[in-house]
Amino acid sequence: MTTRNQALIPIAVAAIIIGIVGVLSIPSDSKLESVEFPRGTVKVDDVVLEVQIADTEPRRVRGLMFQNQLPYDEGMIFVFNESGIYSLWMLNMQFSLDMIWFDDDGNVVHIEQDIPPCKSATEIMACQSIVPSGEAKYILEVTSGFVQKFGITKESKLEIISI
């Protein structure tokens, strides 16, 4: 999963991927092979998840790109320094996701379910940002079906155990 801040701030480019349809640039500090994620634990309602932590811009840009589908007890949490409108897109994802945006207090701000990946050149060029309905400090990405399976709603709560 790749993040794009709503302000659309320009990013320095070091690598370019040329596809059938067009050109896509990747920020220089986001080399795919060099990004490693620390691990942590969070809880949404009563569901405990081991998460990869995307707490820097290179980690947020890299996200879950090229990774295999996650089991329901794993995910990725995007952590931002301050609350804001943070949009996400499915660049180079290999599976569909559910995404949940949370505010500073762990309250659900927005939920998106069953978002398909953008992995072919045509899909990448048409890949749209998912923009939340409110400001968030955390975004949790989990395998599609998680929200329905565990009954996650706007009343659900995020608890940070360790990140």
N, C-alpha and C. Protein backbone atom coordinates (compact mmCIF):
# COMPACT_ATOMS: atom_id res chain seq x y z
N MET A 1 0.84 -1.16 0.00
CA MET A 1 0.00 0.00 0.00
C MET A 1 0.88 1.21 0.00
N THR A 2 0.53 2.15 -0.78
CA THR A 2 1.32 3.35 -0.92
C THR A 2 0.51 4.53 -0.44
N THR A 3 1.15 5.47 0.25
CA THR A 3 0.43 6.63 0.73
C THR A 3 0.67 7.81 -0.17
N ARG A 4 -0.36 8.64 -0.29
CA ARG A 4 -0.23 9.91 -0.98
C ARG A 4 -0.94 10.93 -0.10
N ASN A 5 -0.18 11.85 0.50
CA ASN A 5 -0.78 12.88 1.33
C ASN A 5 -1.67 13.73 0.47
N GLN A 6 -2.77 14.19 1.01
CA GLN A 6 -3.75 14.94 0.26
C GLN A 6 -3.16 16.21 -0.33
N ALA A 7 -2.11 16.77 0.28
CA ALA A 7 -1.51 18.01 -0.22
C ALA A 7 -0.71 17.77 -1.51
N LEU A 8 -0.42 16.53 -1.83
CA LEU A 8 0.31 16.16 -3.04
C LEU A 8 1.62 16.92 -3.17
N ILE A 9 2.48 16.77 -2.15
CA ILE A 9 3.79 17.41 -2.12
C ILE A 9 4.71 16.69 -3.09
N PRO A 10 5.48 17.45 -3.93
CA PRO A 10 6.40 16.82 -4.88
C PRO A 10 7.47 16.01 -4.14
N ILE A 11 7.87 14.88 -4.72
CA ILE A 11 8.87 14.00 -4.14
C ILE A 11 9.99 13.81 -5.15
N ALA A 12 11.26 13.82 -4.64
CA ALA A 12 12.41 13.58 -5.52
C ALA A 12 12.32 12.18 -6.12
N VAL A 13 12.73 12.04 -7.36
CA VAL A 13 12.61 10.78 -8.07
C VAL A 13 13.98 10.19 -8.36
N ALA A 14 14.17 8.92 -8.03
CA ALA A 14 15.42 8.24 -8.32
C ALA A 14 15.21 7.09 -9.28
N ALA A 15 14.03 6.49 -9.27
CA ALA A 15 13.76 5.35 -10.13
C ALA A 15 12.49 5.61 -10.92
N ILE A 16 12.44 5.09 -12.12
CA ILE A 16 11.25 5.23 -12.95
C ILE A 16 10.86 3.86 -13.47
N ILE A 17 9.58 3.53 -13.36
CA ILE A 17 9.07 2.28 -13.90
C ILE A 17 8.30 2.65 -15.16
N ILE A 18 8.69 2.08 -16.27
CA ILE A 18 8.02 2.37 -17.53
C ILE A 18 7.13 1.19 -17.87
N GLY A 19 5.85 1.46 -18.06
CA GLY A 19 4.89 0.40 -18.38
C GLY A 19 4.34 0.62 -19.77
N ILE A 20 3.43 -0.23 -20.12
CA ILE A 20 2.81 -0.17 -21.44
C ILE A 20 2.04 1.14 -21.60
N VAL A 21 1.41 1.60 -20.51
CA VAL A 21 0.53 2.74 -20.61
C VAL A 21 1.25 4.05 -20.30
N GLY A 22 2.26 4.05 -19.43
CA GLY A 22 2.88 5.31 -19.06
C GLY A 22 4.06 5.13 -18.15
N VAL A 23 4.38 6.18 -17.42
CA VAL A 23 5.55 6.23 -16.56
C VAL A 23 5.09 6.45 -15.13
N LEU A 24 5.71 5.73 -14.20
CA LEU A 24 5.41 5.87 -12.78
C LEU A 24 6.72 6.07 -12.05
N SER A 25 6.80 7.04 -11.18
CA SER A 25 8.04 7.30 -10.46
C SER A 25 7.95 6.85 -9.01
N ILE A 26 9.08 6.41 -8.47
CA ILE A 26 9.18 5.98 -7.08
C ILE A 26 10.17 6.89 -6.39
N PRO A 27 9.86 7.44 -5.19
CA PRO A 27 10.77 8.31 -4.47
C PRO A 27 12.12 7.63 -4.22
N SER A 28 13.20 8.43 -4.25
CA SER A 28 14.54 7.90 -4.13
C SER A 28 14.81 7.19 -2.81
N ASP A 29 14.15 7.60 -1.74
CA ASP A 29 14.40 6.97 -0.44
C ASP A 29 13.47 5.78 -0.19
N SER A 30 12.83 5.24 -1.22
CA SER A 30 11.89 4.14 -1.09
C SER A 30 12.33 2.91 -1.88
N LYS A 31 13.61 2.71 -2.04
CA LYS A 31 14.07 1.55 -2.79
C LYS A 31 13.44 0.29 -2.21
N LEU A 32 12.80 -0.48 -3.07
CA LEU A 32 12.00 -1.61 -2.61
C LEU A 32 12.80 -2.62 -1.79
N GLU A 33 14.04 -2.89 -2.19
CA GLU A 33 14.80 -3.91 -1.48
C GLU A 33 15.37 -3.42 -0.16
N SER A 34 15.37 -2.10 0.09
CA SER A 34 16.03 -1.57 1.27
C SER A 34 15.08 -1.26 2.43
N VAL A 35 13.80 -1.42 2.26
CA VAL A 35 12.85 -1.06 3.31
C VAL A 35 12.55 -2.26 4.19
N GLU A 36 12.80 -2.09 5.49
CA GLU A 36 12.47 -3.12 6.47
C GLU A 36 11.48 -2.51 7.46
N PHE A 37 10.59 -3.34 7.96
CA PHE A 37 9.54 -2.86 8.85
C PHE A 37 9.73 -3.41 10.26
N PRO A 38 9.70 -2.52 11.25
CA PRO A 38 9.65 -3.03 12.62
C PRO A 38 8.29 -3.69 12.85
N ARG A 39 8.18 -4.47 13.88
CA ARG A 39 6.93 -5.18 14.19
C ARG A 39 6.35 -4.68 15.50
N GLY A 40 5.06 -4.80 15.62
CA GLY A 40 4.38 -4.40 16.84
C GLY A 40 3.08 -5.17 16.98
N THR A 41 2.32 -4.79 17.99
CA THR A 41 1.05 -5.45 18.27
C THR A 41 -0.01 -4.39 18.54
N VAL A 42 -1.17 -4.57 17.91
CA VAL A 42 -2.32 -3.70 18.15
C VAL A 42 -3.54 -4.58 18.40
N LYS A 43 -4.58 -3.93 18.91
CA LYS A 43 -5.84 -4.64 19.12
C LYS A 43 -6.96 -3.75 18.59
N VAL A 44 -7.84 -4.34 17.79
CA VAL A 44 -9.06 -3.67 17.34
C VAL A 44 -10.21 -4.43 17.97
N ASP A 45 -10.94 -3.73 18.84
CA ASP A 45 -11.94 -4.38 19.68
C ASP A 45 -11.25 -5.52 20.42
N ASP A 46 -11.64 -6.77 20.22
CA ASP A 46 -10.99 -7.89 20.91
C ASP A 46 -10.03 -8.67 20.02
N VAL A 47 -9.73 -8.16 18.82
CA VAL A 47 -8.88 -8.87 17.86
C VAL A 47 -7.45 -8.35 17.96
N VAL A 48 -6.53 -9.24 18.34
CA VAL A 48 -5.11 -8.88 18.46
C VAL A 48 -4.41 -9.18 17.13
N LEU A 49 -3.62 -8.21 16.68
CA LEU A 49 -2.92 -8.33 15.40
C LEU A 49 -1.43 -8.05 15.56
N GLU A 50 -0.61 -8.87 14.91
CA GLU A 50 0.81 -8.54 14.76
C GLU A 50 0.89 -7.66 13.52
N VAL A 51 1.54 -6.50 13.65
CA VAL A 51 1.57 -5.55 12.54
C VAL A 51 2.99 -5.18 12.15
N GLN A 52 3.15 -4.94 10.86
CA GLN A 52 4.34 -4.28 10.36
C GLN A 52 4.07 -2.79 10.55
N ILE A 53 5.09 -2.03 10.95
CA ILE A 53 4.90 -0.62 11.26
C ILE A 53 5.50 0.24 10.16
N ALA A 54 4.66 1.05 9.53
CA ALA A 54 5.10 1.99 8.51
C ALA A 54 5.06 3.39 9.13
N ASP A 55 6.18 3.79 9.75
CA ASP A 55 6.21 5.03 10.51
C ASP A 55 7.16 6.08 9.94
N THR A 56 7.75 5.81 8.79
CA THR A 56 8.59 6.77 8.09
C THR A 56 8.09 6.88 6.66
N GLU A 57 8.45 7.94 5.97
CA GLU A 57 7.97 8.11 4.59
C GLU A 57 8.39 6.94 3.69
N PRO A 58 9.67 6.48 3.72
CA PRO A 58 10.03 5.33 2.87
C PRO A 58 9.19 4.09 3.18
N ARG A 59 8.92 3.84 4.45
CA ARG A 59 8.10 2.68 4.83
C ARG A 59 6.66 2.86 4.38
N ARG A 60 6.13 4.08 4.52
CA ARG A 60 4.75 4.33 4.10
C ARG A 60 4.61 4.20 2.58
N VAL A 61 5.59 4.69 1.85
CA VAL A 61 5.55 4.58 0.38
C VAL A 61 5.62 3.12 -0.03
N ARG A 62 6.48 2.34 0.58
CA ARG A 62 6.67 0.92 0.24
C ARG A 62 5.46 0.10 0.65
N GLY A 63 4.93 0.36 1.85
CA GLY A 63 3.75 -0.35 2.33
C GLY A 63 3.82 -1.85 2.11
N LEU A 64 2.71 -2.43 1.73
CA LEU A 64 2.63 -3.89 1.52
C LEU A 64 2.90 -4.30 0.07
N MET A 65 3.52 -3.41 -0.72
CA MET A 65 3.82 -3.74 -2.12
C MET A 65 4.52 -5.09 -2.22
N PHE A 66 4.11 -5.88 -3.16
CA PHE A 66 4.73 -7.15 -3.53
C PHE A 66 4.69 -8.22 -2.45
N GLN A 67 4.04 -7.98 -1.33
CA GLN A 67 3.94 -8.99 -0.29
C GLN A 67 2.77 -9.91 -0.58
N ASN A 68 2.84 -11.13 -0.04
CA ASN A 68 1.75 -12.09 -0.19
C ASN A 68 0.63 -11.75 0.78
N GLN A 69 -0.55 -12.30 0.51
CA GLN A 69 -1.71 -12.07 1.36
C GLN A 69 -1.39 -12.38 2.81
N LEU A 70 -1.93 -11.58 3.72
CA LEU A 70 -1.69 -11.74 5.15
C LEU A 70 -2.79 -12.58 5.79
N PRO A 71 -2.44 -13.36 6.82
CA PRO A 71 -3.51 -14.03 7.58
C PRO A 71 -4.30 -12.97 8.36
N TYR A 72 -5.45 -13.33 8.87
CA TYR A 72 -6.32 -12.38 9.57
C TYR A 72 -5.72 -11.83 10.86
N ASP A 73 -4.68 -12.45 11.41
CA ASP A 73 -4.08 -11.94 12.64
C ASP A 73 -2.84 -11.08 12.38
N GLU A 74 -2.67 -10.63 11.12
CA GLU A 74 -1.55 -9.76 10.77
C GLU A 74 -2.05 -8.58 9.95
N GLY A 75 -1.27 -7.52 9.96
CA GLY A 75 -1.61 -6.34 9.17
C GLY A 75 -0.44 -5.39 9.09
N MET A 76 -0.71 -4.20 8.59
CA MET A 76 0.28 -3.13 8.56
C MET A 76 -0.40 -1.90 9.13
N ILE A 77 0.32 -1.20 10.02
CA ILE A 77 -0.22 0.05 10.56
C ILE A 77 0.67 1.20 10.10
N PHE A 78 0.01 2.18 9.50
CA PHE A 78 0.67 3.41 9.08
C PHE A 78 0.53 4.38 10.24
N VAL A 79 1.66 4.94 10.68
CA VAL A 79 1.69 5.85 11.81
C VAL A 79 2.20 7.20 11.33
N PHE A 80 1.44 8.24 11.59
CA PHE A 80 1.82 9.59 11.18
C PHE A 80 2.12 10.44 12.41
N ASN A 81 2.96 11.45 12.26
CA ASN A 81 3.34 12.32 13.37
C ASN A 81 2.18 13.15 13.88
N GLU A 82 1.28 13.49 12.98
CA GLU A 82 0.11 14.27 13.37
C GLU A 82 -1.09 13.84 12.56
N SER A 83 -2.26 14.14 13.06
CA SER A 83 -3.49 13.80 12.35
C SER A 83 -3.59 14.60 11.06
N GLY A 84 -4.20 13.99 10.05
CA GLY A 84 -4.39 14.65 8.78
C GLY A 84 -5.26 13.80 7.88
N ILE A 85 -5.48 14.30 6.68
CA ILE A 85 -6.20 13.53 5.66
C ILE A 85 -5.14 12.79 4.86
N TYR A 86 -5.03 11.49 5.07
CA TYR A 86 -4.03 10.68 4.40
C TYR A 86 -4.73 9.70 3.47
N SER A 87 -4.45 9.82 2.20
CA SER A 87 -5.06 8.93 1.22
C SER A 87 -4.11 7.78 0.91
N LEU A 88 -4.67 6.68 0.47
CA LEU A 88 -3.88 5.49 0.14
C LEU A 88 -4.25 5.01 -1.25
N TRP A 89 -3.33 4.29 -1.88
CA TRP A 89 -3.63 3.65 -3.15
C TRP A 89 -2.97 2.29 -3.18
N MET A 90 -3.40 1.43 -4.09
CA MET A 90 -3.05 0.01 -4.08
C MET A 90 -1.94 -0.35 -5.07
N LEU A 91 -0.99 0.53 -5.28
CA LEU A 91 0.09 0.31 -6.23
C LEU A 91 0.87 -0.96 -5.91
N ASN A 92 1.01 -1.82 -6.90
CA ASN A 92 1.80 -3.05 -6.81
C ASN A 92 1.37 -3.99 -5.68
N MET A 93 0.12 -3.92 -5.28
CA MET A 93 -0.41 -4.85 -4.29
C MET A 93 -0.72 -6.17 -4.98
N GLN A 94 -0.67 -7.24 -4.22
CA GLN A 94 -0.91 -8.57 -4.76
C GLN A 94 -2.25 -9.15 -4.32
N PHE A 95 -2.95 -8.44 -3.41
CA PHE A 95 -4.22 -8.94 -2.91
C PHE A 95 -5.09 -7.77 -2.45
N SER A 96 -6.38 -8.01 -2.31
CA SER A 96 -7.32 -6.97 -1.88
C SER A 96 -7.20 -6.72 -0.38
N LEU A 97 -7.52 -5.49 0.02
CA LEU A 97 -7.39 -5.09 1.41
C LEU A 97 -8.66 -4.46 1.95
N ASP A 98 -8.79 -4.50 3.28
CA ASP A 98 -9.68 -3.63 4.03
C ASP A 98 -8.77 -2.60 4.68
N MET A 99 -9.21 -1.34 4.76
CA MET A 99 -8.42 -0.27 5.38
C MET A 99 -9.29 0.43 6.40
N ILE A 100 -8.67 0.72 7.56
CA ILE A 100 -9.39 1.39 8.64
C ILE A 100 -8.54 2.56 9.11
N TRP A 101 -9.12 3.77 9.08
CA TRP A 101 -8.45 4.97 9.55
C TRP A 101 -8.90 5.24 10.99
N PHE A 102 -7.94 5.59 11.87
CA PHE A 102 -8.22 5.87 13.28
C PHE A 102 -7.67 7.24 13.67
N ASP A 103 -8.35 7.93 14.59
CA ASP A 103 -7.86 9.21 15.09
C ASP A 103 -6.85 8.99 16.22
N ASP A 104 -6.37 10.07 16.83
CA ASP A 104 -5.37 10.01 17.92
C ASP A 104 -5.83 9.14 19.09
N ASP A 105 -7.14 9.09 19.32
CA ASP A 105 -7.69 8.34 20.45
C ASP A 105 -8.07 6.91 20.10
N GLY A 106 -7.79 6.48 18.87
CA GLY A 106 -8.11 5.12 18.46
C GLY A 106 -9.54 4.92 17.99
N ASN A 107 -10.25 6.02 17.76
CA ASN A 107 -11.62 5.93 17.24
C ASN A 107 -11.60 5.80 15.72
N VAL A 108 -12.51 5.00 15.18
CA VAL A 108 -12.59 4.80 13.73
C VAL A 108 -13.09 6.09 13.07
N VAL A 109 -12.34 6.52 12.05
CA VAL A 109 -12.70 7.70 11.28
C VAL A 109 -13.33 7.29 9.95
N HIS A 110 -12.81 6.20 9.37
CA HIS A 110 -13.25 5.79 8.04
C HIS A 110 -12.91 4.32 7.83
N ILE A 111 -13.76 3.61 7.10
CA ILE A 111 -13.51 2.20 6.76
C ILE A 111 -13.74 2.02 5.26
N GLU A 112 -12.80 1.34 4.61
CA GLU A 112 -12.97 0.92 3.21
C GLU A 112 -12.78 -0.59 3.17
N GLN A 113 -13.65 -1.29 2.44
CA GLN A 113 -13.58 -2.74 2.38
C GLN A 113 -13.33 -3.23 0.96
N ASP A 114 -12.61 -4.35 0.88
CA ASP A 114 -12.40 -5.08 -0.36
C ASP A 114 -11.87 -4.20 -1.49
N ILE A 115 -10.80 -3.50 -1.23
CA ILE A 115 -10.18 -2.63 -2.23
C ILE A 115 -9.26 -3.48 -3.09
N PRO A 116 -9.51 -3.52 -4.39
CA PRO A 116 -8.71 -4.38 -5.28
C PRO A 116 -7.31 -3.81 -5.53
N PRO A 117 -6.35 -4.68 -5.82
CA PRO A 117 -4.98 -4.23 -6.10
C PRO A 117 -4.85 -3.58 -7.47
N CYS A 118 -3.77 -2.82 -7.64
CA CYS A 118 -3.40 -2.22 -8.93
C CYS A 118 -2.03 -2.77 -9.29
N LYS A 119 -1.98 -3.84 -10.08
CA LYS A 119 -0.67 -4.43 -10.37
C LYS A 119 -0.30 -4.48 -11.84
N SER A 120 -1.24 -4.46 -12.74
CA SER A 120 -0.89 -4.42 -14.16
C SER A 120 -0.68 -2.96 -14.57
N ALA A 121 -0.02 -2.74 -15.70
CA ALA A 121 0.25 -1.38 -16.18
C ALA A 121 -1.05 -0.59 -16.35
N THR A 122 -2.07 -1.22 -16.89
CA THR A 122 -3.36 -0.55 -17.08
C THR A 122 -3.99 -0.22 -15.73
N GLU A 123 -3.98 -1.18 -14.79
CA GLU A 123 -4.55 -0.94 -13.47
C GLU A 123 -3.80 0.17 -12.74
N ILE A 124 -2.46 0.19 -12.87
CA ILE A 124 -1.65 1.21 -12.20
C ILE A 124 -2.01 2.60 -12.69
N MET A 125 -2.19 2.76 -13.98
CA MET A 125 -2.52 4.07 -14.52
C MET A 125 -3.91 4.54 -14.08
N ALA A 126 -4.81 3.60 -13.80
CA ALA A 126 -6.17 3.94 -13.38
C ALA A 126 -6.35 3.86 -11.86
N CYS A 127 -5.30 3.50 -11.15
CA CYS A 127 -5.36 3.30 -9.71
C CYS A 127 -5.75 4.61 -9.01
N GLN A 128 -6.84 4.57 -8.26
CA GLN A 128 -7.34 5.77 -7.60
C GLN A 128 -6.95 5.78 -6.13
N SER A 129 -6.78 6.98 -5.60
CA SER A 129 -6.53 7.14 -4.17
C SER A 129 -7.83 6.93 -3.41
N ILE A 130 -7.70 6.32 -2.23
CA ILE A 130 -8.83 6.19 -1.33
C ILE A 130 -8.65 7.30 -0.30
N VAL A 131 -9.59 8.21 -0.25
CA VAL A 131 -9.51 9.37 0.63
C VAL A 131 -10.51 9.20 1.77
N PRO A 132 -10.05 9.29 3.02
CA PRO A 132 -10.95 9.11 4.16
C PRO A 132 -11.89 10.29 4.34
N SER A 133 -12.91 10.08 5.15
CA SER A 133 -13.90 11.12 5.41
C SER A 133 -13.51 12.02 6.58
N GLY A 134 -12.37 11.77 7.21
CA GLY A 134 -11.92 12.59 8.34
C GLY A 134 -10.44 12.42 8.59
N GLU A 135 -9.91 13.26 9.48
CA GLU A 135 -8.49 13.21 9.80
C GLU A 135 -8.17 11.98 10.65
N ALA A 136 -6.99 11.41 10.38
CA ALA A 136 -6.55 10.22 11.10
C ALA A 136 -5.07 10.33 11.44
N LYS A 137 -4.65 9.57 12.44
CA LYS A 137 -3.23 9.46 12.80
C LYS A 137 -2.70 8.07 12.47
N TYR A 138 -3.60 7.10 12.39
CA TYR A 138 -3.23 5.71 12.11
C TYR A 138 -4.12 5.17 11.00
N ILE A 139 -3.52 4.32 10.17
CA ILE A 139 -4.31 3.58 9.17
C ILE A 139 -3.89 2.12 9.29
N LEU A 140 -4.86 1.25 9.44
CA LEU A 140 -4.59 -0.19 9.52
C LEU A 140 -5.02 -0.84 8.23
N GLU A 141 -4.09 -1.57 7.62
CA GLU A 141 -4.40 -2.36 6.43
C GLU A 141 -4.40 -3.83 6.82
N VAL A 142 -5.47 -4.50 6.43
CA VAL A 142 -5.65 -5.92 6.73
C VAL A 142 -6.21 -6.61 5.50
N THR A 143 -6.08 -7.91 5.45
CA THR A 143 -6.61 -8.70 4.35
C THR A 143 -8.11 -8.46 4.20
N SER A 144 -8.54 -8.35 2.96
CA SER A 144 -9.95 -8.14 2.65
C SER A 144 -10.81 -9.20 3.35
N GLY A 145 -11.91 -8.77 3.93
CA GLY A 145 -12.80 -9.66 4.66
C GLY A 145 -12.66 -9.51 6.16
N PHE A 146 -11.57 -8.88 6.62
CA PHE A 146 -11.32 -8.70 8.05
C PHE A 146 -12.45 -7.92 8.72
N VAL A 147 -12.82 -6.80 8.13
CA VAL A 147 -13.85 -5.93 8.72
C VAL A 147 -15.15 -6.69 8.92
N GLN A 148 -15.57 -7.43 7.91
CA GLN A 148 -16.81 -8.21 8.02
C GLN A 148 -16.66 -9.37 8.99
N LYS A 149 -15.57 -10.10 8.89
CA LYS A 149 -15.35 -11.29 9.74
C LYS A 149 -15.39 -10.95 11.23
N PHE A 150 -14.81 -9.79 11.61
CA PHE A 150 -14.72 -9.43 13.01
C PHE A 150 -15.70 -8.34 13.43
N GLY A 151 -16.62 -7.97 12.53
CA GLY A 151 -17.66 -7.01 12.88
C GLY A 151 -17.12 -5.62 13.23
N ILE A 152 -16.10 -5.17 12.52
CA ILE A 152 -15.53 -3.85 12.77
C ILE A 152 -16.49 -2.78 12.25
N THR A 153 -16.77 -1.78 13.09
CA THR A 153 -17.70 -0.71 12.73
C THR A 153 -17.10 0.64 13.13
N LYS A 154 -17.85 1.70 12.89
CA LYS A 154 -17.42 3.05 13.30
C LYS A 154 -17.28 3.15 14.82
N GLU A 155 -17.90 2.23 15.55
CA GLU A 155 -17.80 2.23 17.02
C GLU A 155 -16.61 1.42 17.52
N SER A 156 -15.88 0.75 16.64
CA SER A 156 -14.72 -0.05 17.05
C SER A 156 -13.62 0.85 17.56
N LYS A 157 -12.68 0.25 18.27
CA LYS A 157 -11.62 1.01 18.93
C LYS A 157 -10.27 0.34 18.69
N LEU A 158 -9.26 1.16 18.38
CA LEU A 158 -7.88 0.70 18.22
C LEU A 158 -7.14 0.89 19.55
N GLU A 159 -6.45 -0.16 19.97
CA GLU A 159 -5.57 -0.06 21.12
C GLU A 159 -4.17 -0.41 20.66
N ILE A 160 -3.23 0.50 20.91
CA ILE A 160 -1.83 0.26 20.57
C ILE A 160 -1.21 -0.49 21.74
N ILE A 161 -0.76 -1.71 21.50
CA ILE A 161 -0.10 -2.49 22.55
C ILE A 161 1.40 -2.21 22.51
N SER A 162 1.98 -2.31 21.31
CA SER A 162 3.41 -1.96 21.16
C SER A 162 3.69 -1.60 19.71
N ILE A 163 4.17 -0.39 19.51
CA ILE A 163 4.67 0.00 18.19
C ILE A 163 5.84 0.95 18.38
